[in-house]
PDB file of N, CA and C in Angstrom:
ATOM      1  N   MET A   1     119.460-158.363 235.059  1.00  0.00           N
ATOM      2  CA  MET A   1     118.300-157.758 234.414  1.00  0.00           C
ATOM      3  C   MET A   1     118.426-158.020 232.907  1.00  0.00           C
ATOM      4  N   ASP A   2     117.373-158.581 232.301  1.00  0.00           N
ATOM      5  CA  ASP A   2     117.452-158.868 230.873  1.00  0.00           C
ATOM      6  C   ASP A   2     117.063-157.645 230.036  1.00  0.00           C
ATOM      7  N   VAL A   3     117.262-157.747 228.753  1.00  0.00           N
ATOM      8  CA  VAL A   3     117.049-156.628 227.834  1.00  0.00           C
ATOM      9  C   VAL A   3     115.597-156.165 227.854  1.00  0.00           C
ATOM     10  N   ASP A   4     114.634-157.089 227.859  1.00  0.00           N
ATOM     11  CA  ASP A   4     113.221-156.694 227.891  1.00  0.00           C
ATOM     12  C   ASP A   4     112.881-155.942 229.171  1.00  0.00           C
ATOM     13  N   SER A   5     113.464-156.338 230.302  1.00  0.00           N
ATOM     14  CA  SER A   5     113.213-155.630 231.560  1.00  0.00           C
ATOM     15  C   SER A   5     113.690-154.178 231.473  1.00  0.00           C
ATOM     16  N   ILE A   6     114.842-153.973 230.862  1.00  0.00           N
ATOM     17  CA  ILE A   6     115.349-152.612 230.670  1.00  0.00           C
ATOM     18  C   ILE A   6     114.389-151.834 229.776  1.00  0.00           C
ATOM     19  N   GLY A   7     113.906-152.472 228.719  1.00  0.00           N
ATOM     20  CA  GLY A   7     112.953-151.827 227.817  1.00  0.00           C
ATOM     21  C   GLY A   7     111.656-151.464 228.517  1.00  0.00           C
ATOM     22  N   TYR A   8     111.134-152.372 229.337  1.00  0.00           N
ATOM     23  CA  TYR A   8     109.896-152.083 230.068  1.00  0.00           C
ATOM     24  C   TYR A   8     110.095-150.953 231.084  1.00  0.00           C
ATOM     25  N   LEU A   9     111.251-150.924 231.736  1.00  0.00           N
ATOM     26  CA  LEU A   9     111.545-149.845 232.681  1.00  0.00           C
ATOM     27  C   LEU A   9     111.616-148.505 231.950  1.00  0.00           C
ATOM     28  N   ALA A  10     112.317-148.468 230.824  1.00  0.00           N
ATOM     29  CA  ALA A  10     112.399-147.238 230.030  1.00  0.00           C
ATOM     30  C   ALA A  10     111.019-146.828 229.533  1.00  0.00           C
ATOM     31  N   ALA A  11     110.229-147.784 229.088  1.00  0.00           N
ATOM     32  CA  ALA A  11     108.871-147.503 228.609  1.00  0.00           C
ATOM     33  C   ALA A  11     108.017-146.915 229.727  1.00  0.00           C
ATOM     34  N   ALA A  12     108.106-147.486 230.905  1.00  0.00           N
ATOM     35  CA  ALA A  12     107.316-146.987 232.037  1.00  0.00           C
ATOM     36  C   ALA A  12     107.708-145.557 232.399  1.00  0.00           C
ATOM     37  N   LEU A  13     109.002-145.290 232.460  1.00  0.00           N
ATOM     38  CA  LEU A  13     109.467-143.956 232.846  1.00  0.00           C
ATOM     39  C   LEU A  13     109.096-142.890 231.814  1.00  0.00           C
ATOM     40  N   THR A  14     109.323-143.176 230.537  1.00  0.00           N
ATOM     41  CA  THR A  14     109.014-142.174 229.518  1.00  0.00           C
ATOM     42  C   THR A  14     107.508-141.966 229.387  1.00  0.00           C
ATOM     43  N   THR A  15     106.736-143.014 229.511  1.00  0.00           N
ATOM     44  CA  THR A  15     105.280-142.894 229.432  1.00  0.00           C
ATOM     45  C   THR A  15     104.748-142.126 230.633  1.00  0.00           C
ATOM     46  N   LEU A  16     105.183-142.484 231.816  1.00  0.00           N
ATOM     47  CA  LEU A  16     104.718-141.786 233.024  1.00  0.00           C
ATOM     48  C   LEU A  16     105.135-140.318 233.024  1.00  0.00           C
ATOM     49  N   SER A  17     106.283-139.998 232.450  1.00  0.00           N
ATOM     50  CA  SER A  17     106.734-138.605 232.439  1.00  0.00           C
ATOM     51  C   SER A  17     105.830-137.725 231.582  1.00  0.00           C
ATOM     52  N   PHE A  18     105.144-138.300 230.637  1.00  0.00           N
ATOM     53  CA  PHE A  18     104.267-137.554 229.752  1.00  0.00           C
ATOM     54  C   PHE A  18     102.940-137.196 230.410  1.00  0.00           C
ATOM     55  N   PHE A  19     102.445-138.022 231.297  1.00  0.00           N
ATOM     56  CA  PHE A  19     101.100-137.867 231.849  1.00  0.00           C
ATOM     57  C   PHE A  19     100.854-136.593 232.660  1.00  0.00           C
ATOM     58  N   PRO A  20     101.755-136.123 233.523  1.00  0.00           N
ATOM     59  CA  PRO A  20     101.442-134.904 234.285  1.00  0.00           C
ATOM     60  C   PRO A  20     101.108-133.701 233.413  1.00  0.00           C
ATOM     61  N   GLN A  21     101.874-133.485 232.333  1.00  0.00           N
ATOM     62  CA  GLN A  21     101.593-132.356 231.460  1.00  0.00           C
ATOM     63  C   GLN A  21     100.282-132.557 230.697  1.00  0.00           C
ATOM     64  N   ALA A  22     100.033-133.765 230.254  1.00  0.00           N
ATOM     65  CA  ALA A  22      98.783-134.048 229.541  1.00  0.00           C
ATOM     66  C   ALA A  22      97.584-133.838 230.453  1.00  0.00           C
ATOM     67  N   ILE A  23      97.676-134.299 231.690  1.00  0.00           N
ATOM     68  CA  ILE A  23      96.577-134.126 232.646  1.00  0.00           C
ATOM     69  C   ILE A  23      96.357-132.650 232.936  1.00  0.00           C
ATOM     70  N   LYS A  24      97.436-131.902 233.119  1.00  0.00           N
ATOM     71  CA  LYS A  24      97.318-130.462 233.372  1.00  0.00           C
ATOM     72  C   LYS A  24      96.632-129.760 232.201  1.00  0.00           C
ATOM     73  N   THR A  25      97.021-130.099 230.993  1.00  0.00           N
ATOM     74  CA  THR A  25      96.422-129.488 229.808  1.00  0.00           C
ATOM     75  C   THR A  25      94.948-129.850 229.693  1.00  0.00           C
ATOM     76  N   LEU A  26      94.613-131.097 229.936  1.00  0.00           N
ATOM     77  CA  LEU A  26      93.218-131.517 229.830  1.00  0.00           C
ATOM     78  C   LEU A  26      92.355-130.877 230.919  1.00  0.00           C
ATOM     79  N   ARG A  27      92.890-130.746 232.118  1.00  0.00           N
ATOM     80  CA  ARG A  27      92.126-130.125 233.213  1.00  0.00           C
ATOM     81  C   ARG A  27      91.944-128.631 233.020  1.00  0.00           C
ATOM     82  N   SER A  28      92.991-127.950 232.573  1.00  0.00           N
ATOM     83  CA  SER A  28      92.930-126.493 232.448  1.00  0.00           C
ATOM     84  C   SER A  28      92.255-126.054 231.149  1.00  0.00           C
ATOM     85  N   ASP A  29      92.187-126.948 230.188  1.00  0.00           N
ATOM     86  CA  ASP A  29      91.630-126.639 228.866  1.00  0.00           C
ATOM     87  C   ASP A  29      92.435-125.528 228.185  1.00  0.00           C
ATOM     88  N   ASP A  30      93.708-125.378 228.564  1.00  0.00           N
ATOM     89  CA  ASP A  30      94.565-124.331 228.010  1.00  0.00           C
ATOM     90  C   ASP A  30      95.607-124.971 227.097  1.00  0.00           C
ATOM     91  N   THR A  31      95.489-124.688 225.806  1.00  0.00           N
ATOM     92  CA  THR A  31      96.433-125.249 224.839  1.00  0.00           C
ATOM     93  C   THR A  31      97.268-124.179 224.152  1.00  0.00           C
ATOM     94  N   ARG A  32      97.230-122.956 224.657  1.00  0.00           N
ATOM     95  CA  ARG A  32      97.960-121.857 224.019  1.00  0.00           C
ATOM     96  C   ARG A  32      99.451-122.118 223.899  1.00  0.00           C
ATOM     97  N   SER A  33     100.032-122.737 224.890  1.00  0.00           N
ATOM     98  CA  SER A  33     101.487-122.933 224.876  1.00  0.00           C
ATOM     99  C   SER A  33     101.909-124.193 224.118  1.00  0.00           C
ATOM    100  N   ILE A  34     100.969-124.882 223.510  1.00  0.00           N
ATOM    101  CA  ILE A  34     101.278-126.098 222.772  1.00  0.00           C
ATOM    102  C   ILE A  34     101.377-125.781 221.286  1.00  0.00           C
ATOM    103  N   SER A  35     102.447-126.212 220.663  1.00  0.00           N
ATOM    104  CA  SER A  35     102.622-126.055 219.228  1.00  0.00           C
ATOM    105  C   SER A  35     101.819-127.148 218.524  1.00  0.00           C
ATOM    106  N   LEU A  36     100.898-126.739 217.657  1.00  0.00           N
ATOM    107  CA  LEU A  36     100.082-127.707 216.927  1.00  0.00           C
ATOM    108  C   LEU A  36     100.944-128.595 216.033  1.00  0.00           C
ATOM    109  N   SER A  37     101.902-128.004 215.332  1.00  0.00           N
ATOM    110  CA  SER A  37     102.744-128.823 214.452  1.00  0.00           C
ATOM    111  C   SER A  37     103.583-129.815 215.253  1.00  0.00           C
ATOM    112  N   MET A  38     104.154-129.381 216.369  1.00  0.00           N
ATOM    113  CA  MET A  38     104.950-130.293 217.192  1.00  0.00           C
ATOM    114  C   MET A  38     104.084-131.427 217.733  1.00  0.00           C
ATOM    115  N   TYR A  39     102.918-131.077 218.246  1.00  0.00           N
ATOM    116  CA  TYR A  39     102.062-132.098 218.846  1.00  0.00           C
ATOM    117  C   TYR A  39     101.493-133.042 217.800  1.00  0.00           C
ATOM    118  N   GLY A  40     101.213-132.514 216.605  1.00  0.00           N
ATOM    119  CA  GLY A  40     100.757-133.378 215.519  1.00  0.00           C
ATOM    120  C   GLY A  40     101.825-134.370 215.114  1.00  0.00           C
ATOM    121  N   LEU A  41     103.054-133.883 214.971  1.00  0.00           N
ATOM    122  CA  LEU A  41     104.174-134.763 214.636  1.00  0.00           C
ATOM    123  C   LEU A  41     104.436-135.777 215.748  1.00  0.00           C
ATOM    124  N   PHE A  42     104.409-135.310 216.988  1.00  0.00           N
ATOM    125  CA  PHE A  42     104.651-136.189 218.132  1.00  0.00           C
ATOM    126  C   PHE A  42     103.617-137.315 218.181  1.00  0.00           C
ATOM    127  N   THR A  43     102.334-136.959 218.076  1.00  0.00           N
ATOM    128  CA  THR A  43     101.268-137.957 218.163  1.00  0.00           C
ATOM    129  C   THR A  43     101.340-138.931 216.990  1.00  0.00           C
ATOM    130  N   SER A  44     101.656-138.424 215.798  1.00  0.00           N
ATOM    131  CA  SER A  44     101.822-139.310 214.637  1.00  0.00           C
ATOM    132  C   SER A  44     102.986-140.269 214.856  1.00  0.00           C
ATOM    133  N   GLY A  45     104.087-139.752 215.379  1.00  0.00           N
ATOM    134  CA  GLY A  45     105.245-140.595 215.657  1.00  0.00           C
ATOM    135  C   GLY A  45     104.942-141.674 216.677  1.00  0.00           C
ATOM    136  N   VAL A  46     104.218-141.311 217.715  1.00  0.00           N
ATOM    137  CA  VAL A  46     103.831-142.287 218.740  1.00  0.00           C
ATOM    138  C   VAL A  46     102.958-143.380 218.127  1.00  0.00           C
ATOM    139  N   ALA A  47     102.008-142.985 217.273  1.00  0.00           N
ATOM    140  CA  ALA A  47     101.138-143.963 216.619  1.00  0.00           C
ATOM    141  C   ALA A  47     101.950-144.906 215.730  1.00  0.00           C
ATOM    142  N   ILE A  48     102.898-144.356 214.987  1.00  0.00           N
ATOM    143  CA  ILE A  48     103.723-145.191 214.105  1.00  0.00           C
ATOM    144  C   ILE A  48     104.621-146.121 214.915  1.00  0.00           C
ATOM    145  N   TRP A  49     105.169-145.625 216.018  1.00  0.00           N
ATOM    146  CA  TRP A  49     105.964-146.499 216.890  1.00  0.00           C
ATOM    147  C   TRP A  49     105.106-147.636 217.454  1.00  0.00           C
ATOM    148  N   ALA A  50     103.857-147.335 217.801  1.00  0.00           N
ATOM    149  CA  ALA A  50     102.956-148.380 218.310  1.00  0.00           C
ATOM    150  C   ALA A  50     102.714-149.451 217.236  1.00  0.00           C
ATOM    151  N   VAL A  51     102.498-149.015 216.001  1.00  0.00           N
ATOM    152  CA  VAL A  51     102.322-149.966 214.895  1.00  0.00           C
ATOM    153  C   VAL A  51     103.596-150.788 214.706  1.00  0.00           C
ATOM    154  N   PHE A  52     104.741-150.124 214.742  1.00  0.00           N
ATOM    155  CA  PHE A  52     106.018-150.834 214.634  1.00  0.00           C
ATOM    156  C   PHE A  52     106.138-151.888 215.731  1.00  0.00           C
ATOM    157  N   GLY A  53     105.797-151.500 216.960  1.00  0.00           N
ATOM    158  CA  GLY A  53     105.861-152.441 218.070  1.00  0.00           C
ATOM    159  C   GLY A  53     104.958-153.639 217.844  1.00  0.00           C
ATOM    160  N   LEU A  54     103.751-153.381 217.355  1.00  0.00           N
ATOM    161  CA  LEU A  54     102.821-154.482 217.078  1.00  0.00           C
ATOM    162  C   LEU A  54     103.360-155.401 215.985  1.00  0.00           C
ATOM    163  N   LEU A  55     103.869-154.816 214.919  1.00  0.00           N
ATOM    164  CA  LEU A  55     104.377-155.618 213.803  1.00  0.00           C
ATOM    165  C   LEU A  55     105.639-156.396 214.156  1.00  0.00           C
ATOM    166  N   SER A  56     106.453-155.838 215.042  1.00  0.00           N
ATOM    167  CA  SER A  56     107.703-156.510 215.411  1.00  0.00           C
ATOM    168  C   SER A  56     107.563-157.346 216.685  1.00  0.00           C
ATOM    169  N   GLY A  57     106.412-157.240 217.345  1.00  0.00           N
ATOM    170  CA  GLY A  57     106.209-157.996 218.580  1.00  0.00           C
ATOM    171  C   GLY A  57     107.051-157.487 219.732  1.00  0.00           C
ATOM    172  N   ASN A  58     107.397-156.209 219.717  1.00  0.00           N
ATOM    173  CA  ASN A  58     108.256-155.625 220.748  1.00  0.00           C
ATOM    174  C   ASN A  58     107.389-155.073 221.883  1.00  0.00           C
ATOM    175  N   GLY A  59     107.303-155.830 222.966  1.00  0.00           N
ATOM    176  CA  GLY A  59     106.439-155.479 224.090  1.00  0.00           C
ATOM    177  C   GLY A  59     106.658-154.099 224.669  1.00  0.00           C
ATOM    178  N   PRO A  60     107.895-153.716 224.988  1.00  0.00           N
ATOM    179  CA  PRO A  60     108.109-152.386 225.559  1.00  0.00           C
ATOM    180  C   PRO A  60     107.663-151.257 224.621  1.00  0.00           C
ATOM    181  N   VAL A  61     107.897-151.415 223.324  1.00  0.00           N
ATOM    182  CA  VAL A  61     107.501-150.386 222.363  1.00  0.00           C
ATOM    183  C   VAL A  61     105.977-150.307 222.265  1.00  0.00           C
ATOM    184  N   ILE A  62     105.314-151.466 222.244  1.00  0.00           N
ATOM    185  CA  ILE A  62     103.849-151.498 222.208  1.00  0.00           C
ATOM    186  C   ILE A  62     103.287-150.823 223.451  1.00  0.00           C
ATOM    187  N   LEU A  63     103.786-151.199 224.606  1.00  0.00           N
ATOM    188  CA  LEU A  63     103.282-150.680 225.878  1.00  0.00           C
ATOM    189  C   LEU A  63     103.475-149.170 225.988  1.00  0.00           C
ATOM    190  N   ALA A  64     104.683-148.709 225.765  1.00  0.00           N
ATOM    191  CA  ALA A  64     104.979-147.280 225.935  1.00  0.00           C
ATOM    192  C   ALA A  64     104.162-146.425 224.973  1.00  0.00           C
ATOM    193  N   ASN A  65     104.162-146.798 223.720  1.00  0.00           N
ATOM    194  CA  ASN A  65     103.498-145.968 222.730  1.00  0.00           C
ATOM    195  C   ASN A  65     101.990-146.144 222.733  1.00  0.00           C
ATOM    196  N   GLY A  66     101.520-147.327 223.054  1.00  0.00           N
ATOM    197  CA  GLY A  66     100.074-147.535 223.170  1.00  0.00           C
ATOM    198  C   GLY A  66      99.476-146.690 224.278  1.00  0.00           C
ATOM    199  N   PHE A  67     100.124-146.659 225.431  1.00  0.00           N
ATOM    200  CA  PHE A  67      99.623-145.857 226.548  1.00  0.00           C
ATOM    201  C   PHE A  67      99.815-144.356 226.311  1.00  0.00           C
ATOM    202  N   THR A  68     100.909-143.966 225.706  1.00  0.00           N
ATOM    203  CA  THR A  68     101.158-142.546 225.453  1.00  0.00           C
ATOM    204  C   THR A  68     100.209-141.998 224.387  1.00  0.00           C
ATOM    205  N   LEU A  69      99.818-142.839 223.442  1.00  0.00           N
ATOM    206  CA  LEU A  69      98.937-142.400 222.363  1.00  0.00           C
ATOM    207  C   LEU A  69      97.581-141.918 222.875  1.00  0.00           C
ATOM    208  N   ILE A  70      97.102-142.488 223.957  1.00  0.00           N
ATOM    209  CA  ILE A  70      95.770-142.128 224.469  1.00  0.00           C
ATOM    210  C   ILE A  70      95.717-140.660 224.907  1.00  0.00           C
ATOM    211  N   PRO A  71      96.517-140.226 225.884  1.00  0.00           N
ATOM    212  CA  PRO A  71      96.432-138.815 226.270  1.00  0.00           C
ATOM    213  C   PRO A  71      96.947-137.874 225.182  1.00  0.00           C
ATOM    214  N   ALA A  72      97.930-138.324 224.400  1.00  0.00           N
ATOM    215  CA  ALA A  72      98.442-137.469 223.324  1.00  0.00           C
ATOM    216  C   ALA A  72      97.331-137.168 222.324  1.00  0.00           C
ATOM    217  N   SER A  73      96.518-138.146 222.018  1.00  0.00           N
ATOM    218  CA  SER A  73      95.407-137.947 221.088  1.00  0.00           C
ATOM    219  C   SER A  73      94.378-136.979 221.647  1.00  0.00           C
ATOM    220  N   PHE A  74      94.090-137.097 222.930  1.00  0.00           N
ATOM    221  CA  PHE A  74      93.134-136.183 223.559  1.00  0.00           C
ATOM    222  C   PHE A  74      93.643-134.742 223.536  1.00  0.00           C
ATOM    223  N   VAL A  75      94.908-134.546 223.866  1.00  0.00           N
ATOM    224  CA  VAL A  75      95.477-133.192 223.872  1.00  0.00           C
ATOM    225  C   VAL A  75      95.511-132.641 222.447  1.00  0.00           C
ATOM    226  N   LEU A  76      95.913-133.441 221.481  1.00  0.00           N
ATOM    227  CA  LEU A  76      95.952-132.988 220.092  1.00  0.00           C
ATOM    228  C   LEU A  76      94.555-132.609 219.612  1.00  0.00           C
ATOM    229  N   GLN A  77      93.576-133.420 219.934  1.00  0.00           N
ATOM    230  CA  GLN A  77      92.200-133.126 219.550  1.00  0.00           C
ATOM    231  C   GLN A  77      91.728-131.814 220.142  1.00  0.00           C
ATOM    232  N   LYS A  78      92.067-131.578 221.402  1.00  0.00           N
ATOM    233  CA  LYS A  78      91.696-130.337 222.081  1.00  0.00           C
ATOM    234  C   LYS A  78      92.389-129.143 221.423  1.00  0.00           C
ATOM    235  N   LYS A  79      93.656-129.282 221.074  1.00  0.00           N
ATOM    236  CA  LYS A  79      94.397-128.211 220.416  1.00  0.00           C
ATOM    237  C   LYS A  79      93.788-127.891 219.048  1.00  0.00           C
ATOM    238  N   ILE A  80      93.472-128.907 218.281  1.00  0.00           N
ATOM    239  CA  ILE A  80      92.865-128.703 216.962  1.00  0.00           C
ATOM    240  C   ILE A  80      91.504-128.041 217.101  1.00  0.00           C
ATOM    241  N   ARG A  81      90.714-128.485 218.047  1.00  0.00           N
ATOM    242  CA  ARG A  81      89.387-127.893 218.262  1.00  0.00           C
ATOM    243  C   ARG A  81      89.505-126.417 218.630  1.00  0.00           C
ATOM    244  N   HIS A  82      90.425-126.069 219.520  1.00  0.00           N
ATOM    245  CA  HIS A  82      90.625-124.666 219.891  1.00  0.00           C
ATOM    246  C   HIS A  82      91.073-123.849 218.682  1.00  0.00           C
ATOM    247  N   ARG A  83      91.956-124.393 217.867  1.00  0.00           N
ATOM    248  CA  ARG A  83      92.444-123.696 216.679  1.00  0.00           C
ATOM    249  C   ARG A  83      91.305-123.466 215.695  1.00  0.00           C
ATOM    250  N   LEU A  84      90.457-124.476 215.474  1.00  0.00           N
ATOM    251  CA  LEU A  84      89.357-124.344 214.520  1.00  0.00           C
ATOM    252  C   LEU A  84      88.300-123.336 214.989  1.00  0.00           C
ATOM    253  N   LYS A  85      88.105-123.270 216.292  1.00  0.00           N
ATOM    254  CA  LYS A  85      87.133-122.303 216.836  1.00  0.00           C
ATOM    255  C   LYS A  85      87.693-120.889 216.807  1.00  0.00           C
ATOM    256  N   GLY A  86      88.980-120.762 216.577  1.00  0.00           N
ATOM    257  CA  GLY A  86      89.599-119.443 216.535  1.00  0.00           C
ATOM    258  C   GLY A  86      89.897-118.862 217.897  1.00  0.00           C
ATOM    259  N   GLY A  87      89.596-119.577 218.934  1.00  0.00           N
ATOM    260  CA  GLY A  87      89.847-119.081 220.286  1.00  0.00           C
ATOM    261  C   GLY A  87      90.851-119.946 221.003  1.00  0.00           C
ATOM    262  N   GLU A  88      92.107-119.734 220.710  1.00  0.00           N
ATOM    263  CA  GLU A  88      93.159-120.500 221.384  1.00  0.00           C
ATOM    264  C   GLU A  88      93.064-120.289 222.887  1.00  0.00           C
ATOM    265  N   ARG A  89      92.976-121.406 223.619  1.00  0.00           N
ATOM    266  CA  ARG A  89      92.931-121.326 225.064  1.00  0.00           C
ATOM    267  C   ARG A  89      94.037-122.137 225.653  1.00  0.00           C
TER     268      ARG A  89
END
């Protein structure tokens, strides 16, 4: 198994592990248990890792962070919207 294969396997596992919680949050519309600061930092970090992957041409980093950024952005947006409305759900 070459180094890129290990990277793609790690990318697939870490990305897939994120989706069940994101889907649950999006379906339930409940963001009370999510820390806004943690999720903001997490989503920013994922975006920066995706940019790093693009600039360095690192396929596993691009794949993992590009796919994770999509649901992370949706959950963060939902959390911010709930916070701004004053009704944390």
